[in-house]
């Protein structure tokens, strides 16, 4: 029983770590791949790179990543 709990915990941790890296970019592309499926890729640093991917054959659009946190803004301290 403990072994199965440990295995499940490791699987969940691996999936969670993968989601954090997948949402690392400031821009997301949403592309309709057919049959009602929409794929989202949030790995773009700029809107221009996102647009190139969307317009390179697959049709979709680009939006700002709502989960993105700019590290430059987070680490900035106010002077005293």
PDB file of N, CA and C in Angstrom:
ATOM      1  N   UNK A   1       0.821  -1.189   0.000  1.00  0.00           N
ATOM      2  CA  UNK A   1       0.000   0.000   0.000  1.00  0.00           C
ATOM      3  C   UNK A   1       0.871   1.262   0.000  1.00  0.00           C
ATOM      4  N   UNK A   2       1.913   1.262   0.779  1.00  0.00           N
ATOM      5  CA  UNK A   2       2.795   2.429   0.843  1.00  0.00           C
ATOM      6  C   UNK A   2       3.553   2.614  -0.462  1.00  0.00           C
ATOM      7  N   UNK A   3       3.906   1.493  -1.087  1.00  0.00           N
ATOM      8  CA  UNK A   3       4.648   1.571  -2.344  1.00  0.00           C
ATOM      9  C   UNK A   3       3.774   2.183  -3.432  1.00  0.00           C
ATOM     10  N   UNK A   4       2.508   1.784  -3.503  1.00  0.00           N
ATOM     11  CA  UNK A   4       1.610   2.346  -4.524  1.00  0.00           C
ATOM     12  C   UNK A   4       1.373   3.837  -4.271  1.00  0.00           C
ATOM     13  N   UNK A   5       1.288   4.245  -3.011  1.00  0.00           N
ATOM     14  CA  UNK A   5       1.134   5.665  -2.698  1.00  0.00           C
ATOM     15  C   UNK A   5       2.373   6.447  -3.125  1.00  0.00           C
ATOM     16  N   UNK A   6       3.543   5.882  -2.893  1.00  0.00           N
ATOM     17  CA  UNK A   6       4.790   6.532  -3.284  1.00  0.00           C
ATOM     18  C   UNK A   6       4.886   6.672  -4.800  1.00  0.00           C
ATOM     19  N   UNK A   7       4.501   5.638  -5.522  1.00  0.00           N
ATOM     20  CA  UNK A   7       4.536   5.680  -6.982  1.00  0.00           C
ATOM     21  C   UNK A   7       3.563   6.736  -7.507  1.00  0.00           C
ATOM     22  N   UNK A   8       2.363   6.765  -6.960  1.00  0.00           N
ATOM     23  CA  UNK A   8       1.372   7.772  -7.388  1.00  0.00           C
ATOM     24  C   UNK A   8       1.863   9.186  -7.092  1.00  0.00           C
ATOM     25  N   UNK A   9       2.504   9.379  -5.947  1.00  0.00           N
ATOM     26  CA  UNK A   9       3.030  10.695  -5.592  1.00  0.00           C
ATOM     27  C   UNK A   9       4.116  11.132  -6.563  1.00  0.00           C
ATOM     28  N   UNK A  10       4.981  10.217  -6.946  1.00  0.00           N
ATOM     29  CA  UNK A  10       6.038  10.543  -7.903  1.00  0.00           C
ATOM     30  C   UNK A  10       5.467  10.885  -9.277  1.00  0.00           C
ATOM     31  N   UNK A  11       4.446  10.181  -9.695  1.00  0.00           N
ATOM     32  CA  UNK A  11       3.813  10.467 -10.990  1.00  0.00           C
ATOM     33  C   UNK A  11       3.185  11.858 -10.978  1.00  0.00           C
ATOM     34  N   UNK A  12       2.468  12.185  -9.915  1.00  0.00           N
ATOM     35  CA  UNK A  12       1.834  13.507  -9.811  1.00  0.00           C
ATOM     36  C   UNK A  12       2.896  14.606  -9.782  1.00  0.00           C
ATOM     37  N   UNK A  13       3.982  14.389  -9.061  1.00  0.00           N
ATOM     38  CA  UNK A  13       5.046  15.394  -9.002  1.00  0.00           C
ATOM     39  C   UNK A  13       5.694  15.593 -10.359  1.00  0.00           C
ATOM     40  N   UNK A  14       5.872  14.523 -11.107  1.00  0.00           N
ATOM     41  CA  UNK A  14       6.458  14.622 -12.446  1.00  0.00           C
ATOM     42  C   UNK A  14       5.544  15.392 -13.381  1.00  0.00           C
ATOM     43  N   UNK A  15       4.264  15.112 -13.323  1.00  0.00           N
ATOM     44  CA  UNK A  15       3.298  15.820 -14.179  1.00  0.00           C
ATOM     45  C   UNK A  15       3.265  17.304 -13.802  1.00  0.00           C
ATOM     46  N   UNK A  16       3.256  17.613 -12.520  1.00  0.00           N
ATOM     47  CA  UNK A  16       3.216  19.002 -12.082  1.00  0.00           C
ATOM     48  C   UNK A  16       4.466  19.761 -12.528  1.00  0.00           C
ATOM     49  N   UNK A  17       5.616  19.133 -12.430  1.00  0.00           N
ATOM     50  CA  UNK A  17       6.861  19.778 -12.867  1.00  0.00           C
ATOM     51  C   UNK A  17       6.831  20.037 -14.361  1.00  0.00           C
ATOM     52  N   UNK A  18       6.258  19.132 -15.136  1.00  0.00           N
ATOM     53  CA  UNK A  18       6.133  19.324 -16.578  1.00  0.00           C
ATOM     54  C   UNK A  18       5.208  20.464 -16.926  1.00  0.00           C
ATOM     55  N   UNK A  19       4.154  20.666 -16.154  1.00  0.00           N
ATOM     56  CA  UNK A  19       3.227  21.764 -16.414  1.00  0.00           C
ATOM     57  C   UNK A  19       3.886  23.107 -16.148  1.00  0.00           C
ATOM     58  N   UNK A  20       4.729  23.187 -15.160  1.00  0.00           N
ATOM     59  CA  UNK A  20       5.409  24.445 -14.869  1.00  0.00           C
ATOM     60  C   UNK A  20       6.313  24.867 -16.027  1.00  0.00           C
ATOM     61  N   UNK A  21       7.016  23.927 -16.632  1.00  0.00           N
ATOM     62  CA  UNK A  21       7.892  24.295 -17.736  1.00  0.00           C
ATOM     63  C   UNK A  21       7.095  24.564 -19.000  1.00  0.00           C
ATOM     64  N   UNK A  22       5.939  23.941 -19.140  1.00  0.00           N
ATOM     65  CA  UNK A  22       5.133  24.171 -20.332  1.00  0.00           C
ATOM     66  C   UNK A  22       4.531  25.567 -20.347  1.00  0.00           C
ATOM     67  N   UNK A  23       4.309  26.145 -19.191  1.00  0.00           N
ATOM     68  CA  UNK A  23       3.715  27.473 -19.102  1.00  0.00           C
ATOM     69  C   UNK A  23       4.758  28.552 -18.860  1.00  0.00           C
ATOM     70  N   UNK A  24       5.986  28.330 -19.302  1.00  0.00           N
ATOM     71  CA  UNK A  24       7.077  29.246 -18.999  1.00  0.00           C
ATOM     72  C   UNK A  24       7.072  30.516 -19.836  1.00  0.00           C
ATOM     73  N   UNK A  25       6.437  30.508 -20.998  1.00  0.00           N
ATOM     74  CA  UNK A  25       6.494  31.653 -21.891  1.00  0.00           C
ATOM     75  C   UNK A  25       5.447  32.709 -21.597  1.00  0.00           C
ATOM     76  N   UNK A  26       5.676  33.901 -22.143  1.00  0.00           N
ATOM     77  CA  UNK A  26       4.760  35.019 -21.934  1.00  0.00           C
ATOM     78  C   UNK A  26       3.562  34.965 -22.884  1.00  0.00           C
ATOM     79  N   UNK A  27       3.671  34.183 -23.979  1.00  0.00           N
ATOM     80  CA  UNK A  27       2.605  34.107 -24.983  1.00  0.00           C
ATOM     81  C   UNK A  27       2.196  32.667 -25.235  1.00  0.00           C
ATOM     82  N   UNK A  28       0.911  32.461 -25.505  1.00  0.00           N
ATOM     83  CA  UNK A  28       0.363  31.135 -25.798  1.00  0.00           C
ATOM     84  C   UNK A  28      -0.266  31.141 -27.188  1.00  0.00           C
ATOM     85  N   UNK A  29      -0.077  30.038 -27.910  1.00  0.00           N
ATOM     86  CA  UNK A  29      -0.793  29.862 -29.172  1.00  0.00           C
ATOM     87  C   UNK A  29      -1.912  28.873 -28.935  1.00  0.00           C
ATOM     88  N   UNK A  30      -3.055  29.134 -29.527  1.00  0.00           N
ATOM     89  CA  UNK A  30      -4.178  28.209 -29.486  1.00  0.00           C
ATOM     90  C   UNK A  30      -4.531  27.879 -30.925  1.00  0.00           C
ATOM     91  N   UNK A  31      -4.383  26.593 -31.268  1.00  0.00           N
ATOM     92  CA  UNK A  31      -4.525  26.150 -32.652  1.00  0.00           C
ATOM     93  C   UNK A  31      -5.595  25.077 -32.725  1.00  0.00           C
ATOM     94  N   UNK A  32      -6.525  25.226 -33.665  1.00  0.00           N
ATOM     95  CA  UNK A  32      -7.552  24.220 -33.909  1.00  0.00           C
ATOM     96  C   UNK A  32      -6.939  23.125 -34.778  1.00  0.00           C
ATOM     97  N   UNK A  33      -6.822  21.908 -34.224  1.00  0.00           N
ATOM     98  CA  UNK A  33      -6.207  20.802 -34.956  1.00  0.00           C
ATOM     99  C   UNK A  33      -7.238  19.900 -35.625  1.00  0.00           C
ATOM    100  N   UNK A  34      -8.486  20.270 -35.581  1.00  0.00           N
ATOM    101  CA  UNK A  34      -9.536  19.492 -36.225  1.00  0.00           C
ATOM    102  C   UNK A  34     -10.275  18.612 -35.233  1.00  0.00           C
ATOM    103  N   UNK A  35     -11.450  18.163 -35.633  1.00  0.00           N
ATOM    104  CA  UNK A  35     -12.306  17.295 -34.821  1.00  0.00           C
ATOM    105  C   UNK A  35     -12.620  17.910 -33.456  1.00  0.00           C
ATOM    106  N   UNK A  36     -12.677  19.232 -33.387  1.00  0.00           N
ATOM    107  CA  UNK A  36     -13.025  19.915 -32.152  1.00  0.00           C
ATOM    108  C   UNK A  36     -11.905  20.002 -31.130  1.00  0.00           C
ATOM    109  N   UNK A  37     -10.698  19.652 -31.505  1.00  0.00           N
ATOM    110  CA  UNK A  37      -9.565  19.710 -30.581  1.00  0.00           C
ATOM    111  C   UNK A  37      -8.824  21.037 -30.750  1.00  0.00           C
ATOM    112  N   UNK A  38      -8.479  21.623 -29.628  1.00  0.00           N
ATOM    113  CA  UNK A  38      -7.683  22.854 -29.630  1.00  0.00           C
ATOM    114  C   UNK A  38      -6.440  22.597 -28.803  1.00  0.00           C
ATOM    115  N   UNK A  39      -5.277  22.822 -29.403  1.00  0.00           N
ATOM    116  CA  UNK A  39      -4.011  22.638 -28.704  1.00  0.00           C
ATOM    117  C   UNK A  39      -3.478  23.992 -28.262  1.00  0.00           C
ATOM    118  N   UNK A  40      -2.952  24.022 -27.052  1.00  0.00           N
ATOM    119  CA  UNK A  40      -2.387  25.255 -26.510  1.00  0.00           C
ATOM    120  C   UNK A  40      -0.911  25.032 -26.203  1.00  0.00           C
ATOM    121  N   UNK A  41      -0.074  25.975 -26.648  1.00  0.00           N
ATOM    122  CA  UNK A  41       1.360  25.931 -26.396  1.00  0.00           C
ATOM    123  C   UNK A  41       1.765  27.268 -25.799  1.00  0.00           C
ATOM    124  N   UNK A  42       2.199  27.253 -24.558  1.00  0.00           N
ATOM    125  CA  UNK A  42       2.565  28.493 -23.865  1.00  0.00           C
ATOM    126  C   UNK A  42       4.073  28.623 -23.705  1.00  0.00           C
ATOM    127  N   UNK A  43       4.814  28.296 -24.737  1.00  0.00           N
ATOM    128  CA  UNK A  43       6.259  28.335 -24.657  1.00  0.00           C
ATOM    129  C   UNK A  43       6.895  29.442 -25.463  1.00  0.00           C
ATOM    130  N   UNK A  44       6.178  30.520 -25.731  1.00  0.00           N
ATOM    131  CA  UNK A  44       6.699  31.589 -26.588  1.00  0.00           C
ATOM    132  C   UNK A  44       7.096  32.806 -25.760  1.00  0.00           C
ATOM    133  N   UNK A  45       8.292  33.308 -26.024  1.00  0.00           N
ATOM    134  CA  UNK A  45       8.797  34.474 -25.295  1.00  0.00           C
ATOM    135  C   UNK A  45       8.233  35.782 -25.850  1.00  0.00           C
ATOM    136  N   UNK A  46       7.850  35.791 -27.136  1.00  0.00           N
ATOM    137  CA  UNK A  46       7.335  37.028 -27.723  1.00  0.00           C
ATOM    138  C   UNK A  46       6.110  36.727 -28.587  1.00  0.00           C
ATOM    139  N   UNK A  47       5.347  37.762 -28.833  1.00  0.00           N
ATOM    140  CA  UNK A  47       4.166  37.619 -29.670  1.00  0.00           C
ATOM    141  C   UNK A  47       4.556  37.279 -31.107  1.00  0.00           C
ATOM    142  N   UNK A  48       5.684  37.811 -31.565  1.00  0.00           N
ATOM    143  CA  UNK A  48       6.131  37.567 -32.936  1.00  0.00           C
ATOM    144  C   UNK A  48       6.432  36.089 -33.175  1.00  0.00           C
ATOM    145  N   UNK A  49       7.127  35.438 -32.250  1.00  0.00           N
ATOM    146  CA  UNK A  49       7.422  34.010 -32.432  1.00  0.00           C
ATOM    147  C   UNK A  49       6.150  33.176 -32.373  1.00  0.00           C
ATOM    148  N   UNK A  50       5.215  33.583 -31.568  1.00  0.00           N
ATOM    149  CA  UNK A  50       3.932  32.886 -31.500  1.00  0.00           C
ATOM    150  C   UNK A  50       3.182  33.015 -32.826  1.00  0.00           C
ATOM    151  N   UNK A  51       3.139  34.222 -33.371  1.00  0.00           N
ATOM    152  CA  UNK A  51       2.443  34.436 -34.643  1.00  0.00           C
ATOM    153  C   UNK A  51       3.074  33.649 -35.786  1.00  0.00           C
ATOM    154  N   UNK A  52       4.405  33.547 -35.797  1.00  0.00           N
ATOM    155  CA  UNK A  52       5.063  32.771 -36.849  1.00  0.00           C
ATOM    156  C   UNK A  52       4.619  31.315 -36.814  1.00  0.00           C
ATOM    157  N   UNK A  53       4.498  30.777 -35.633  1.00  0.00           N
ATOM    158  CA  UNK A  53       4.071  29.384 -35.495  1.00  0.00           C
ATOM    159  C   UNK A  53       2.620  29.206 -35.928  1.00  0.00           C
ATOM    160  N   UNK A  54       1.768  30.116 -35.526  1.00  0.00           N
ATOM    161  CA  UNK A  54       0.347  30.011 -35.861  1.00  0.00           C
ATOM    162  C   UNK A  54       0.129  30.168 -37.364  1.00  0.00           C
ATOM    163  N   UNK A  55       0.861  31.070 -37.990  1.00  0.00           N
ATOM    164  CA  UNK A  55       0.661  31.330 -39.412  1.00  0.00           C
ATOM    165  C   UNK A  55       1.432  30.378 -40.313  1.00  0.00           C
ATOM    166  N   UNK A  56       2.255  29.501 -39.757  1.00  0.00           N
ATOM    167  CA  UNK A  56       3.077  28.603 -40.563  1.00  0.00           C
ATOM    168  C   UNK A  56       2.318  27.328 -40.952  1.00  0.00           C
ATOM    169  N   UNK A  57       1.061  27.422 -41.216  1.00  0.00           N
ATOM    170  CA  UNK A  57       0.296  26.262 -41.666  1.00  0.00           C
ATOM    171  C   UNK A  57      -0.925  26.018 -40.808  1.00  0.00           C
ATOM    172  N   UNK A  58      -0.741  25.891 -39.520  1.00  0.00           N
ATOM    173  CA  UNK A  58      -1.877  25.688 -38.626  1.00  0.00           C
ATOM    174  C   UNK A  58      -2.543  27.024 -38.351  1.00  0.00           C
ATOM    175  N   UNK A  59      -3.823  27.029 -38.344  1.00  0.00           N
ATOM    176  CA  UNK A  59      -4.559  28.273 -38.091  1.00  0.00           C
ATOM    177  C   UNK A  59      -4.979  28.351 -36.637  1.00  0.00           C
ATOM    178  N   UNK A  60      -4.778  29.506 -36.046  1.00  0.00           N
ATOM    179  CA  UNK A  60      -5.132  29.726 -34.655  1.00  0.00           C
ATOM    180  C   UNK A  60      -4.883  31.169 -34.291  1.00  0.00           C
ATOM    181  N   UNK A  61      -4.623  31.418 -33.012  1.00  0.00           N
ATOM    182  CA  UNK A  61      -4.362  32.780 -32.575  1.00  0.00           C
ATOM    183  C   UNK A  61      -3.457  32.757 -31.351  1.00  0.00           C
ATOM    184  N   UNK A  62      -2.913  33.923 -31.018  1.00  0.00           N
ATOM    185  CA  UNK A  62      -2.003  34.076 -29.890  1.00  0.00           C
ATOM    186  C   UNK A  62      -2.655  34.921 -28.806  1.00  0.00           C
ATOM    187  N   UNK A  63      -2.428  34.531 -27.561  1.00  0.00           N
ATOM    188  CA  UNK A  63      -2.926  35.296 -26.413  1.00  0.00           C
ATOM    189  C   UNK A  63      -1.800  35.392 -25.388  1.00  0.00           C
ATOM    190  N   UNK A  64      -1.905  36.363 -24.495  1.00  0.00           N
ATOM    191  CA  UNK A  64      -0.940  36.460 -23.394  1.00  0.00           C
ATOM    192  C   UNK A  64      -1.188  35.305 -22.431  1.00  0.00           C
ATOM    193  N   UNK A  65      -0.117  34.772 -21.864  1.00  0.00           N
ATOM    194  CA  UNK A  65      -0.207  33.684 -20.910  1.00  0.00           C
ATOM    195  C   UNK A  65      -0.639  34.247 -19.558  1.00  0.00           C
ATOM    196  N   UNK A  66      -1.833  33.885 -19.069  1.00  0.00           N
ATOM    197  CA  UNK A  66      -2.290  34.439 -17.796  1.00  0.00           C
ATOM    198  C   UNK A  66      -1.476  33.937 -16.601  1.00  0.00           C
ATOM    199  N   UNK A  67      -0.764  32.823 -16.739  1.00  0.00           N
ATOM    200  CA  UNK A  67       0.019  32.260 -15.643  1.00  0.00           C
ATOM    201  C   UNK A  67       1.463  32.757 -15.635  1.00  0.00           C
ATOM    202  N   UNK A  68       1.841  33.564 -16.628  1.00  0.00           N
ATOM    203  CA  UNK A  68       3.240  34.011 -16.740  1.00  0.00           C
ATOM    204  C   UNK A  68       3.551  35.063 -15.687  1.00  0.00           C
ATOM    205  N   UNK A  69       4.701  34.888 -15.024  1.00  0.00           N
ATOM    206  CA  UNK A  69       5.190  35.870 -14.072  1.00  0.00           C
ATOM    207  C   UNK A  69       6.576  36.285 -14.518  1.00  0.00           C
ATOM    208  N   UNK A  70       6.736  37.549 -14.848  1.00  0.00           N
ATOM    209  CA  UNK A  70       8.006  38.065 -15.338  1.00  0.00           C
ATOM    210  C   UNK A  70       9.042  38.037 -14.217  1.00  0.00           C
ATOM    211  N   UNK A  71      10.119  37.272 -14.386  1.00  0.00           N
ATOM    212  CA  UNK A  71      11.118  37.187 -13.314  1.00  0.00           C
ATOM    213  C   UNK A  71      11.835  38.506 -13.053  1.00  0.00           C
ATOM    214  N   UNK A  72      11.965  39.369 -14.038  1.00  0.00           N
ATOM    215  CA  UNK A  72      12.629  40.659 -13.839  1.00  0.00           C
ATOM    216  C   UNK A  72      11.800  41.547 -12.910  1.00  0.00           C
ATOM    217  N   UNK A  73      10.492  41.476 -13.025  1.00  0.00           N
ATOM    218  CA  UNK A  73       9.615  42.285 -12.180  1.00  0.00           C
ATOM    219  C   UNK A  73       9.524  41.690 -10.781  1.00  0.00           C
ATOM    220  N   UNK A  74       9.530  40.370 -10.676  1.00  0.00           N
ATOM    221  CA  UNK A  74       9.422  39.709  -9.374  1.00  0.00           C
ATOM    222  C   UNK A  74      10.612  40.000  -8.485  1.00  0.00           C
ATOM    223  N   UNK A  75      11.805  40.027  -9.036  1.00  0.00           N
ATOM    224  CA  UNK A  75      13.012  40.158  -8.232  1.00  0.00           C
ATOM    225  C   UNK A  75      13.423  41.605  -7.975  1.00  0.00           C
ATOM    226  N   UNK A  76      12.707  42.543  -8.532  1.00  0.00           N
ATOM    227  CA  UNK A  76      13.071  43.945  -8.352  1.00  0.00           C
ATOM    228  C   UNK A  76      12.698  44.415  -6.946  1.00  0.00           C
ATOM    229  N   UNK A  77      13.621  45.077  -6.300  1.00  0.00           N
ATOM    230  CA  UNK A  77      13.368  45.619  -4.972  1.00  0.00           C
ATOM    231  C   UNK A  77      13.269  47.132  -5.041  1.00  0.00           C
ATOM    232  N   UNK A  78      12.486  47.676  -4.171  1.00  0.00           N
ATOM    233  CA  UNK A  78      12.392  49.127  -4.085  1.00  0.00           C
ATOM    234  C   UNK A  78      13.556  49.689  -3.299  1.00  0.00           C
ATOM    235  N   UNK A  79      14.156  50.759  -3.785  1.00  0.00           N
ATOM    236  CA  UNK A  79      15.230  51.389  -3.004  1.00  0.00           C
ATOM    237  C   UNK A  79      14.661  52.092  -1.780  1.00  0.00           C
ATOM    238  N   UNK A  80      15.447  52.117  -0.731  1.00  0.00           N
ATOM    239  CA  UNK A  80      14.975  52.768   0.505  1.00  0.00           C
ATOM    240  C   UNK A  80      15.471  54.178   0.597  1.00  0.00           C
TER     241      UNK A  80
END
